[in-house]
Amino acid sequence: MQTLLAIECSSHINAVAYIADIDRPDEWVGEISRAGVKASAWLLPAIERLLAKANAHKTDVKIVAFGAGPGSFTGVRTACATAQALAYSWCASLIAVDCLEALAHASTLPRVDVMLDARMNEMYVASFARTSRDELTRISSTKLVPIDAFLVREGATLIGSGAHLVSPANRETTIAAEDRWAYGVARVAIAKFAKSEVTDPQHAEPMYVRNNVAQTEAQRAAKALVGTDG
């Protein structure tokens, strides 16, 4: 029996989920925080509470999955470092998951465009569809786009923290998916584990879509100004 712990801290929420048997993935427990609590302070105590709620011990965990991004620079680094350390100490398999794919899976929607507010008038976006066998398929890669350049797909539901930036969005639909975000990480990880798509803890790292992630808004504005003047 393979057990799995999933960690998600890429956006404005922090969440964890535990599945006692990946062959029965619908049976899971989770915990989520929306109160602006720092992931670094919340995460480890939340994992301890979650394992206690599931009547599990840390040595029971055989797979550790984490939302690798894109998203909050601090959040994805916290999730990565924590998952890396736990995989090492628990001798567990480590699996990195695209956070947008995880949110799409959590939504259970048939056609979904996921968009996270990347600030600086940009969004992280990716599109997905669900097959008749309830399998999630990717329609487009995860990428960074200017808000005004995004084209809404016909028939797709928009979810995520950036959805309202391009179209009136049903906030309740996004909240329902976010409440299952860590579970979405777990479900994507189960599919990757079945294909032996595991990550060597030594090489675990966040997924960065924005190449100049370390630049401040002021630096980006100054660069844009130089380009205009030139």
C-alpha atoms as a PDB file:
ATOM      1  CA  MET A   1       0.000   0.000   0.000  1.00  0.00           C
ATOM      2  CA  GLN A   2       1.432   3.349  -1.087  1.00  0.00           C
ATOM      3  CA  THR A   3       0.644   6.420   1.006  1.00  0.00           C
ATOM      4  CA  LEU A   4       1.042  10.001  -0.198  1.00  0.00           C
ATOM      5  CA  LEU A   5       1.486  13.440   1.345  1.00  0.00           C
ATOM      6  CA  ALA A   6       0.836  16.463  -0.899  1.00  0.00           C
ATOM      7  CA  ILE A   7       1.952  20.055  -0.269  1.00  0.00           C
ATOM      8  CA  GLU A   8       0.685  23.194  -2.032  1.00  0.00           C
ATOM      9  CA  CYS A   9       1.868  26.728  -1.193  1.00  0.00           C
ATOM     10  CA  SER A  10       2.164  28.428  -4.589  1.00  0.00           C
ATOM     11  CA  SER A  11      -0.515  31.074  -4.189  1.00  0.00           C
ATOM     12  CA  HIS A  12      -2.497  32.905  -1.510  1.00  0.00           C
ATOM     13  CA  ILE A  13      -3.392  29.690   0.308  1.00  0.00           C
ATOM     14  CA  ASN A  14      -1.404  26.950   1.978  1.00  0.00           C
ATOM     15  CA  ALA A  15      -2.738  23.394   1.824  1.00  0.00           C
ATOM     16  CA  VAL A  16      -1.772  19.804   2.565  1.00  0.00           C
ATOM     17  CA  ALA A  17      -3.480  16.500   1.791  1.00  0.00           C
ATOM     18  CA  TYR A  18      -2.911  12.885   2.777  1.00  0.00           C
ATOM     19  CA  ILE A  19      -4.014   9.741   0.936  1.00  0.00           C
ATOM     20  CA  ALA A  20      -3.588   6.510   2.867  1.00  0.00           C
ATOM     21  CA  ASP A  21      -3.748   4.311  -0.251  1.00  0.00           C
ATOM     22  CA  ILE A  22      -3.160   5.697  -3.748  1.00  0.00           C
ATOM     23  CA  ASP A  23      -5.281   2.853  -5.130  1.00  0.00           C
ATOM     24  CA  ARG A  24      -8.215   4.496  -3.324  1.00  0.00           C
ATOM     25  CA  PRO A  25      -7.509   8.170  -4.040  1.00  0.00           C
ATOM     26  CA  ASP A  26     -11.025   9.402  -3.260  1.00  0.00           C
ATOM     27  CA  GLU A  27     -10.392   8.661   0.418  1.00  0.00           C
ATOM     28  CA  TRP A  28      -8.304  11.576   1.643  1.00  0.00           C
ATOM     29  CA  VAL A  29      -7.949  14.153   4.394  1.00  0.00           C
ATOM     30  CA  GLY A  30      -6.653  17.692   4.109  1.00  0.00           C
ATOM     31  CA  GLU A  31      -6.052  21.034   5.765  1.00  0.00           C
ATOM     32  CA  ILE A  32      -6.036  24.515   4.243  1.00  0.00           C
ATOM     33  CA  SER A  33      -5.223  28.032   5.402  1.00  0.00           C
ATOM     34  CA  ARG A  34      -6.476  31.203   3.693  1.00  0.00           C
ATOM     35  CA  ALA A  35      -5.635  33.741   6.378  1.00  0.00           C
ATOM     36  CA  GLY A  36      -2.408  35.041   4.872  1.00  0.00           C
ATOM     37  CA  VAL A  37      -0.317  32.845   7.175  1.00  0.00           C
ATOM     38  CA  LYS A  38       3.296  32.423   6.078  1.00  0.00           C
ATOM     39  CA  ALA A  39       3.865  28.975   4.614  1.00  0.00           C
ATOM     40  CA  SER A  40       7.179  28.644   6.461  1.00  0.00           C
ATOM     41  CA  ALA A  41       5.407  28.968   9.816  1.00  0.00           C
ATOM     42  CA  TRP A  42       2.271  27.018   8.945  1.00  0.00           C
ATOM     43  CA  LEU A  43       3.453  24.048   6.929  1.00  0.00           C
ATOM     44  CA  LEU A  44       5.229  21.652   9.302  1.00  0.00           C
ATOM     45  CA  PRO A  45       2.704  22.001  12.161  1.00  0.00           C
ATOM     46  CA  ALA A  46      -0.091  21.510   9.592  1.00  0.00           C
ATOM     47  CA  ILE A  47       1.527  18.293   8.370  1.00  0.00           C
ATOM     48  CA  GLU A  48       1.739  17.026  11.943  1.00  0.00           C
ATOM     49  CA  ARG A  49      -1.947  17.841  12.516  1.00  0.00           C
ATOM     50  CA  LEU A  50      -2.891  16.193   9.227  1.00  0.00           C
ATOM     51  CA  LEU A  51      -1.075  12.950  10.007  1.00  0.00           C
ATOM     52  CA  ALA A  52      -2.683  12.888  13.446  1.00  0.00           C
ATOM     53  CA  LYS A  53      -6.117  13.418  11.859  1.00  0.00           C
ATOM     54  CA  ALA A  54      -5.431  10.517   9.496  1.00  0.00           C
ATOM     55  CA  ASN A  55      -4.130   8.314  12.342  1.00  0.00           C
ATOM     56  CA  ALA A  56      -0.891   8.026  10.410  1.00  0.00           C
ATOM     57  CA  HIS A  57       2.766   8.276  11.319  1.00  0.00           C
ATOM     58  CA  LYS A  58       5.439  10.048   9.316  1.00  0.00           C
ATOM     59  CA  THR A  59       7.119   6.725   8.596  1.00  0.00           C
ATOM     60  CA  ASP A  60       3.902   5.639   6.831  1.00  0.00           C
ATOM     61  CA  VAL A  61       4.436   8.202   4.061  1.00  0.00           C
ATOM     62  CA  LYS A  62       5.927   6.599   0.948  1.00  0.00           C
ATOM     63  CA  ILE A  63       5.395   9.460  -1.548  1.00  0.00           C
ATOM     64  CA  VAL A  64       5.803  13.210  -1.002  1.00  0.00           C
ATOM     65  CA  ALA A  65       4.380  15.469  -3.712  1.00  0.00           C
ATOM     66  CA  PHE A  66       4.638  19.242  -3.903  1.00  0.00           C
ATOM     67  CA  GLY A  67       3.337  22.068  -6.051  1.00  0.00           C
ATOM     68  CA  ALA A  68       6.520  23.214  -7.759  1.00  0.00           C
ATOM     69  CA  GLY A  69       5.053  26.349  -9.306  1.00  0.00           C
ATOM     70  CA  PRO A  70       4.735  28.623 -11.003  1.00  0.00           C
ATOM     71  CA  GLY A  71       3.503  30.965  -8.331  1.00  0.00           C
ATOM     72  CA  SER A  72       4.693  32.821  -5.265  1.00  0.00           C
ATOM     73  CA  PHE A  73       8.492  32.873  -5.181  1.00  0.00           C
ATOM     74  CA  THR A  74       8.580  32.276  -1.420  1.00  0.00           C
ATOM     75  CA  GLY A  75       5.699  29.808  -1.399  1.00  0.00           C
ATOM     76  CA  VAL A  76       7.035  27.430  -4.032  1.00  0.00           C
ATOM     77  CA  ARG A  77      10.509  27.519  -2.486  1.00  0.00           C
ATOM     78  CA  THR A  78       9.032  26.655   0.917  1.00  0.00           C
ATOM     79  CA  ALA A  79       7.033  23.764  -0.542  1.00  0.00           C
ATOM     80  CA  CYS A  80      10.043  22.482  -2.473  1.00  0.00           C
ATOM     81  CA  ALA A  81      12.480  22.678   0.437  1.00  0.00           C
ATOM     82  CA  THR A  82      10.028  21.064   2.851  1.00  0.00           C
ATOM     83  CA  ALA A  83       9.112  18.233   0.471  1.00  0.00           C
ATOM     84  CA  GLN A  84      12.784  17.672  -0.329  1.00  0.00           C
ATOM     85  CA  ALA A  85      13.711  17.413   3.349  1.00  0.00           C
ATOM     86  CA  LEU A  86      10.791  15.115   4.173  1.00  0.00           C
ATOM     87  CA  ALA A  87      11.528  12.822   1.227  1.00  0.00           C
ATOM     88  CA  TYR A  88      15.128  12.531   2.385  1.00  0.00           C
ATOM     89  CA  SER A  89      14.311  11.918   6.037  1.00  0.00           C
ATOM     90  CA  TRP A  90      11.375   9.556   5.391  1.00  0.00           C
ATOM     91  CA  CYS A  91      13.073   7.709   2.481  1.00  0.00           C
ATOM     92  CA  ALA A  92      10.033   8.546   0.363  1.00  0.00           C
ATOM     93  CA  SER A  93       9.649   9.088  -3.379  1.00  0.00           C
ATOM     94  CA  LEU A  94       9.478  12.767  -4.358  1.00  0.00           C
ATOM     95  CA  ILE A  95       7.217  14.117  -7.115  1.00  0.00           C
ATOM     96  CA  ALA A  96       7.064  17.693  -8.413  1.00  0.00           C
ATOM     97  CA  VAL A  97       3.730  18.871  -9.807  1.00  0.00           C
ATOM     98  CA  ASP A  98       2.697  21.835 -11.945  1.00  0.00           C
ATOM     99  CA  CYS A  99       0.461  23.929  -9.661  1.00  0.00           C
ATOM    100  CA  LEU A 100      -1.886  24.953 -12.486  1.00  0.00           C
ATOM    101  CA  GLU A 101      -2.408  21.345 -13.529  1.00  0.00           C
ATOM    102  CA  ALA A 102      -3.146  20.459  -9.913  1.00  0.00           C
ATOM    103  CA  LEU A 103      -5.784  23.210  -9.637  1.00  0.00           C
ATOM    104  CA  ALA A 104      -7.360  22.080 -12.920  1.00  0.00           C
ATOM    105  CA  HIS A 105      -7.582  18.536 -11.596  1.00  0.00           C
ATOM    106  CA  ALA A 106      -9.053  19.766  -8.335  1.00  0.00           C
ATOM    107  CA  SER A 107     -11.797  21.640 -10.183  1.00  0.00           C
ATOM    108  CA  THR A 108     -13.279  18.490 -11.834  1.00  0.00           C
ATOM    109  CA  LEU A 109     -14.426  20.768 -14.699  1.00  0.00           C
ATOM    110  CA  PRO A 110     -14.619  19.334 -18.249  1.00  0.00           C
ATOM    111  CA  ARG A 111     -12.874  22.312 -19.917  1.00  0.00           C
ATOM    112  CA  VAL A 112     -10.893  24.698 -17.754  1.00  0.00           C
ATOM    113  CA  ASP A 113      -8.464  27.578 -18.193  1.00  0.00           C
ATOM    114  CA  VAL A 114      -6.368  28.101 -15.072  1.00  0.00           C
ATOM    115  CA  MET A 115      -4.848  31.512 -14.499  1.00  0.00           C
ATOM    116  CA  LEU A 116      -2.876  32.738 -11.517  1.00  0.00           C
ATOM    117  CA  ASP A 117      -2.164  36.403 -10.915  1.00  0.00           C
ATOM    118  CA  ALA A 118       1.585  36.820 -11.511  1.00  0.00           C
ATOM    119  CA  ARG A 119       1.428  40.564 -10.770  1.00  0.00           C
ATOM    120  CA  MET A 120       3.203  43.102 -12.988  1.00  0.00           C
ATOM    121  CA  ASN A 121       0.138  42.939 -15.319  1.00  0.00           C
ATOM    122  CA  GLU A 122       0.888  39.299 -16.153  1.00  0.00           C
ATOM    123  CA  MET A 123      -0.667  35.889 -15.478  1.00  0.00           C
ATOM    124  CA  TYR A 124       0.451  32.281 -15.389  1.00  0.00           C
ATOM    125  CA  VAL A 125      -1.978  30.386 -17.622  1.00  0.00           C
ATOM    126  CA  ALA A 126      -2.634  26.844 -18.879  1.00  0.00           C
ATOM    127  CA  SER A 127      -5.608  25.105 -20.486  1.00  0.00           C
ATOM    128  CA  PHE A 128      -6.951  21.618 -19.819  1.00  0.00           C
ATOM    129  CA  ALA A 129      -9.780  19.295 -20.826  1.00  0.00           C
ATOM    130  CA  ARG A 130     -11.185  16.135 -19.269  1.00  0.00           C
ATOM    131  CA  THR A 131     -11.752  12.989 -21.317  1.00  0.00           C
ATOM    132  CA  SER A 132     -14.771  10.701 -21.177  1.00  0.00           C
ATOM    133  CA  ARG A 133     -12.682   8.483 -18.878  1.00  0.00           C
ATOM    134  CA  ASP A 134     -12.285  11.423 -16.464  1.00  0.00           C
ATOM    135  CA  GLU A 135      -8.610  11.823 -17.347  1.00  0.00           C
ATOM    136  CA  LEU A 136      -7.183  15.346 -17.420  1.00  0.00           C
ATOM    137  CA  THR A 137      -5.369  16.278 -20.625  1.00  0.00           C
ATOM    138  CA  ARG A 138      -3.289  19.368 -21.236  1.00  0.00           C
ATOM    139  CA  ILE A 139      -4.352  21.663 -24.087  1.00  0.00           C
ATOM    140  CA  SER A 140      -1.605  24.265 -23.682  1.00  0.00           C
ATOM    141  CA  SER A 141       1.667  24.522 -21.816  1.00  0.00           C
ATOM    142  CA  THR A 142       1.988  26.581 -18.652  1.00  0.00           C
ATOM    143  CA  LYS A 143       3.226  30.028 -19.616  1.00  0.00           C
ATOM    144  CA  LEU A 144       3.411  33.661 -18.580  1.00  0.00           C
ATOM    145  CA  VAL A 145       1.281  36.089 -20.608  1.00  0.00           C
ATOM    146  CA  PRO A 146       0.308  39.764 -20.377  1.00  0.00           C
ATOM    147  CA  ILE A 147      -3.210  40.133 -19.013  1.00  0.00           C
ATOM    148  CA  ASP A 148      -4.454  41.984 -22.098  1.00  0.00           C
ATOM    149  CA  ALA A 149      -3.063  39.292 -24.433  1.00  0.00           C
ATOM    150  CA  PHE A 150      -5.072  36.383 -23.040  1.00  0.00           C
ATOM    151  CA  LEU A 151      -7.866  35.000 -25.230  1.00  0.00           C
ATOM    152  CA  VAL A 152     -10.697  33.187 -23.454  1.00  0.00           C
ATOM    153  CA  ARG A 153     -11.327  29.701 -24.872  1.00  0.00           C
ATOM    154  CA  GLU A 154     -14.888  29.070 -25.995  1.00  0.00           C
ATOM    155  CA  GLY A 155     -16.656  26.727 -23.605  1.00  0.00           C
ATOM    156  CA  ALA A 156     -13.910  26.843 -20.971  1.00  0.00           C
ATOM    157  CA  THR A 157     -14.465  27.801 -17.353  1.00  0.00           C
ATOM    158  CA  LEU A 158     -11.978  30.283 -15.919  1.00  0.00           C
ATOM    159  CA  ILE A 159     -10.578  29.615 -12.457  1.00  0.00           C
ATOM    160  CA  GLY A 160      -7.697  30.885 -10.356  1.00  0.00           C
ATOM    161  CA  SER A 161      -6.592  34.111  -8.735  1.00  0.00           C
ATOM    162  CA  GLY A 162      -6.177  35.770 -12.136  1.00  0.00           C
ATOM    163  CA  ALA A 163      -9.517  34.757 -13.660  1.00  0.00           C
ATOM    164  CA  HIS A 164     -11.296  37.963 -12.692  1.00  0.00           C
ATOM    165  CA  LEU A 165      -8.603  40.023 -14.432  1.00  0.00           C
ATOM    166  CA  VAL A 166      -9.784  38.970 -17.906  1.00  0.00           C
ATOM    167  CA  SER A 167     -13.463  38.153 -17.469  1.00  0.00           C
ATOM    168  CA  PRO A 168     -16.221  38.195 -14.867  1.00  0.00           C
ATOM    169  CA  ALA A 169     -15.527  34.955 -13.045  1.00  0.00           C
ATOM    170  CA  ASN A 170     -17.510  32.741 -10.709  1.00  0.00           C
ATOM    171  CA  ARG A 171     -15.476  33.129  -7.534  1.00  0.00           C
ATOM    172  CA  GLU A 172     -17.274  30.215  -5.893  1.00  0.00           C
ATOM    173  CA  THR A 173     -15.949  27.864  -8.593  1.00  0.00           C
ATOM    174  CA  THR A 174     -12.381  28.980  -7.914  1.00  0.00           C
ATOM    175  CA  ILE A 175     -12.807  28.656  -4.134  1.00  0.00           C
ATOM    176  CA  ALA A 176     -14.190  25.128  -4.523  1.00  0.00           C
ATOM    177  CA  ALA A 177     -11.133  24.139  -6.576  1.00  0.00           C
ATOM    178  CA  GLU A 178      -8.707  25.871  -4.200  1.00  0.00           C
ATOM    179  CA  ASP A 179     -10.200  23.935  -1.284  1.00  0.00           C
ATOM    180  CA  ARG A 180      -9.068  20.754  -3.092  1.00  0.00           C
ATOM    181  CA  TRP A 181      -5.784  22.148  -4.459  1.00  0.00           C
ATOM    182  CA  ALA A 182      -3.489  19.922  -2.395  1.00  0.00           C
ATOM    183  CA  TYR A 183      -5.690  16.978  -3.349  1.00  0.00           C
ATOM    184  CA  GLY A 184      -5.177  18.004  -6.975  1.00  0.00           C
ATOM    185  CA  VAL A 185      -1.413  17.888  -6.371  1.00  0.00           C
ATOM    186  CA  ALA A 186      -1.880  14.386  -4.994  1.00  0.00           C
ATOM    187  CA  ARG A 187      -3.948  13.179  -7.956  1.00  0.00           C
ATOM    188  CA  VAL A 188      -1.475  14.500 -10.526  1.00  0.00           C
ATOM    189  CA  ALA A 189       1.361  12.951  -8.499  1.00  0.00           C
ATOM    190  CA  ILE A 190      -0.364   9.556  -8.483  1.00  0.00           C
ATOM    191  CA  ALA A 191      -0.506   9.605 -12.286  1.00  0.00           C
ATOM    192  CA  LYS A 192       3.163  10.593 -12.477  1.00  0.00           C
ATOM    193  CA  PHE A 193       4.154   7.928  -9.949  1.00  0.00           C
ATOM    194  CA  ALA A 194       2.450   5.283 -12.091  1.00  0.00           C
ATOM    195  CA  LYS A 195       4.728   6.364 -14.946  1.00  0.00           C
ATOM    196  CA  SER A 196       7.810   6.439 -12.683  1.00  0.00           C
ATOM    197  CA  GLU A 197       8.079  10.214 -13.109  1.00  0.00           C
ATOM    198  CA  VAL A 198       9.743  10.840  -9.771  1.00  0.00           C
ATOM    199  CA  THR A 199      12.226  13.536  -8.818  1.00  0.00           C
ATOM    200  CA  ASP A 200      15.612  12.921  -7.248  1.00  0.00           C
ATOM    201  CA  PRO A 201      15.465  14.937  -4.008  1.00  0.00           C
ATOM    202  CA  GLN A 202      18.986  16.112  -4.727  1.00  0.00           C
ATOM    203  CA  HIS A 203      17.709  17.844  -7.879  1.00  0.00           C
ATOM    204  CA  ALA A 204      14.351  19.109  -6.624  1.00  0.00           C
ATOM    205  CA  GLU A 205      13.687  22.721  -7.542  1.00  0.00           C
ATOM    206  CA  PRO A 206      10.785  25.121  -8.081  1.00  0.00           C
ATOM    207  CA  MET A 207       9.340  25.632 -11.547  1.00  0.00           C
ATOM    208  CA  TYR A 208      10.028  29.184 -12.736  1.00  0.00           C
ATOM    209  CA  VAL A 209       8.200  30.443 -15.810  1.00  0.00           C
ATOM    210  CA  ARG A 210       9.269  34.051 -15.397  1.00  0.00           C
ATOM    211  CA  ASN A 211      12.989  34.154 -16.215  1.00  0.00           C
ATOM    212  CA  ASN A 212      13.588  37.465 -14.475  1.00  0.00           C
ATOM    213  CA  VAL A 213      11.820  36.332 -11.332  1.00  0.00           C
ATOM    214  CA  ALA A 214      14.263  38.165  -9.065  1.00  0.00           C
ATOM    215  CA  GLN A 215      13.642  41.579 -10.598  1.00  0.00           C
ATOM    216  CA  THR A 216      11.505  44.061  -8.728  1.00  0.00           C
ATOM    217  CA  GLU A 217       8.658  45.990 -10.322  1.00  0.00           C
ATOM    218  CA  ALA A 218      10.870  49.101 -10.291  1.00  0.00           C
ATOM    219  CA  GLN A 219      13.646  47.263 -12.138  1.00  0.00           C
ATOM    220  CA  ARG A 220      11.222  45.980 -14.753  1.00  0.00           C
ATOM    221  CA  ALA A 221       9.714  49.452 -15.211  1.00  0.00           C
ATOM    222  CA  ALA A 222      13.171  50.988 -15.615  1.00  0.00           C
ATOM    223  CA  LYS A 223      14.091  48.355 -18.198  1.00  0.00           C
ATOM    224  CA  ALA A 224      10.893  49.031 -20.117  1.00  0.00           C
ATOM    225  CA  LEU A 225      11.595  52.769 -20.048  1.00  0.00           C
ATOM    226  CA  VAL A 226      15.095  52.262 -21.468  1.00  0.00           C
ATOM    227  CA  GLY A 227      13.621  50.136 -24.226  1.00  0.00           C
ATOM    228  CA  THR A 228      11.112  52.874 -25.074  1.00  0.00           C
ATOM    229  CA  ASP A 229      13.754  55.573 -25.153  1.00  0.00           C
ATOM    230  CA  GLY A 230      16.046  53.420 -27.325  1.00  0.00           C
END
